C-alpha cells in the first residue's frame, strides 16, 4: 500500500509538472505573439510617419499635414517616451537648420532602438 501511495505521488508530480510547463509555454507564446504584433504596428507607424514627413517637406499642403498628424497620433500608441521626446524636439526645431538635422538623426536613432536594430 505504501508503494502505491509513493507511485501515485510520483505520477501526479509528473502530471503537475507537465501542466505547469504547458502553462509557462503558453504564456511565453502569447507574450511573443503580442510582441510581434506590437512590432509590426510600431514599424508601420514609423514608416507612415516618415512618409508623411517627406510629403510635408515636398509639398506643404493641408492634406499632407493631416496625414502627418494622423501618423504622429498613431505613433504615440506604440513609441517609447524617448521617441516621443525626440519627435517633439524635431517639431520644435526650425526647418533647414542644423538643429532640425540633429533632431531628425536622434529621432531615427531612438526609433531604431525601439525596433531592436540598434
Protein backbone atom coordinates (compact mmCIF):
# COMPACT_ATOMS: atom_id res chain seq x y z
CA UNK A 1 0.00 0.00 0.00
CA UNK A 2 2.80 2.39 0.86
CA UNK A 3 4.46 1.73 -2.51
CA UNK A 4 1.17 2.52 -4.26
CA UNK A 5 0.99 5.91 -2.49
CA UNK A 6 4.54 6.74 -3.50
CA UNK A 7 3.84 5.66 -7.07
CA UNK A 8 0.68 7.80 -7.34
CA UNK A 9 2.51 10.74 -5.81
CA UNK A 10 5.23 10.31 -8.41
CA UNK A 11 2.71 10.17 -11.26
CA UNK A 12 0.79 13.21 -10.00
CA UNK A 13 4.07 15.07 -9.63
CA UNK A 14 4.89 14.38 -13.27
CA UNK A 15 1.38 15.47 -14.29
CA UNK A 16 1.58 18.69 -12.30
CA UNK A 17 4.98 19.44 -13.80
CA UNK A 18 3.53 18.91 -17.27
CA UNK A 19 0.65 21.27 -16.55
CA UNK A 20 2.99 23.92 -15.18
CA UNK A 21 5.29 23.51 -18.19
CA UNK A 22 2.31 23.85 -20.54
CA UNK A 23 1.10 27.00 -18.77
CA UNK A 24 4.52 28.63 -18.86
CA UNK A 25 4.98 27.72 -22.52
CA UNK A 26 1.52 29.06 -23.38
CA UNK A 27 2.20 32.32 -21.51
CA UNK A 28 5.53 32.81 -23.27
CA UNK A 29 3.99 32.08 -26.70
CA UNK A 30 1.20 34.60 -26.11
CA UNK A 31 3.71 37.20 -24.95
CA UNK A 32 5.80 36.56 -28.06
CA UNK A 33 2.75 36.95 -30.32
CA UNK A 34 1.82 40.23 -28.66
CA UNK A 35 5.38 41.48 -29.03
CA UNK A 36 5.35 40.54 -32.72
CA UNK A 37 2.03 42.30 -33.28
CA UNK A 38 3.31 45.40 -31.45
CA UNK A 39 6.47 45.38 -33.51
CA UNK A 40 4.56 45.19 -36.80
CA UNK A 41 2.20 48.00 -35.78
CA UNK A 42 5.07 50.13 -34.49
CA UNK A 43 7.06 49.61 -37.68
CA UNK A 44 4.02 50.57 -39.78
CA UNK A 45 3.57 53.70 -37.66
CA UNK A 46 7.23 54.66 -38.07
CA UNK A 47 7.06 54.08 -41.83
CA UNK A 48 3.84 56.07 -42.10
CA UNK A 49 5.22 58.96 -40.07
CA UNK A 50 8.42 59.15 -42.09
CA UNK A 51 6.50 59.01 -45.36
CA UNK A 52 4.14 61.76 -44.19
CA UNK A 53 7.15 63.81 -43.00
CA UNK A 54 8.61 63.51 -46.50
CA UNK A 55 5.33 64.61 -48.07
CA UNK A 56 5.13 67.68 -45.83
CA UNK A 57 8.70 68.57 -46.79
CA UNK A 58 7.94 68.20 -50.51
CA UNK A 59 4.52 69.84 -50.63
CA UNK A 60 3.33 71.77 -47.62
CA UNK A 61 -0.40 71.13 -48.16
CA UNK A 62 -3.25 70.67 -45.70
CA UNK A 63 -3.66 67.07 -46.86
CA UNK A 64 -0.02 66.22 -46.17
CA UNK A 65 -0.20 67.91 -42.75
CA UNK A 66 -3.31 65.91 -41.86
CA UNK A 67 -1.60 62.70 -42.91
CA UNK A 68 1.41 63.61 -40.78
CA UNK A 69 -0.84 64.38 -37.79
CA UNK A 70 -2.57 61.01 -38.19
CA UNK A 71 0.68 59.06 -38.20
CA UNK A 72 2.08 61.09 -35.33
CA UNK A 73 -1.01 60.28 -33.26
CA UNK A 74 -0.79 56.60 -34.17
CA UNK A 75 2.89 56.53 -33.28
CA UNK A 76 2.02 57.77 -29.79
CA UNK A 77 0.29 54.43 -29.17
CA UNK A 78 3.46 52.41 -29.68
CA UNK A 79 6.55 54.56 -29.27
CA UNK A 80 8.68 54.83 -26.18
CA UNK A 81 8.76 58.06 -24.22
CA UNK A 82 12.23 58.78 -25.61
CA UNK A 83 10.96 58.57 -29.20
CA UNK A 84 8.10 60.90 -28.36
CA UNK A 85 10.52 63.38 -26.81
CA UNK A 86 12.76 63.26 -29.89
CA UNK A 87 9.71 63.72 -32.11
CA UNK A 88 8.78 66.85 -30.14
CA UNK A 89 12.35 68.15 -30.48
CA UNK A 90 12.07 67.63 -34.24
CA UNK A 91 8.80 69.54 -34.38
CA UNK A 92 10.22 72.38 -32.25
CA UNK A 93 13.33 72.83 -34.42
CA UNK A 94 13.26 75.30 -37.31
CA UNK A 95 13.25 73.71 -40.79
CA UNK A 96 16.50 73.74 -42.73
CA UNK A 97 18.75 74.16 -39.68
CA UNK A 98 21.41 72.00 -38.11
CA UNK A 99 19.12 71.69 -35.07
CA UNK A 100 16.49 70.05 -37.31
CA UNK A 101 19.08 67.69 -38.80
CA UNK A 102 20.32 66.74 -35.33
CA UNK A 103 16.78 66.20 -34.05
CA UNK A 104 15.95 64.07 -37.09
CA UNK A 105 19.01 61.86 -36.58
CA UNK A 106 18.21 61.50 -32.86
CA UNK A 107 14.60 60.52 -33.64
CA UNK A 108 15.67 57.89 -36.15
CA UNK A 109 18.27 56.51 -33.73
CA UNK A 110 15.64 56.12 -30.99
CA UNK A 111 13.16 54.53 -33.40
CA UNK A 112 15.83 52.02 -34.38
CA UNK A 113 16.40 51.22 -30.71
CA UNK A 114 12.68 50.60 -30.19
CA UNK A 115 12.61 48.35 -33.25
CA UNK A 116 15.61 46.41 -31.95
CA UNK A 117 18.06 47.43 -34.68
CA UNK A 118 20.47 49.42 -32.53
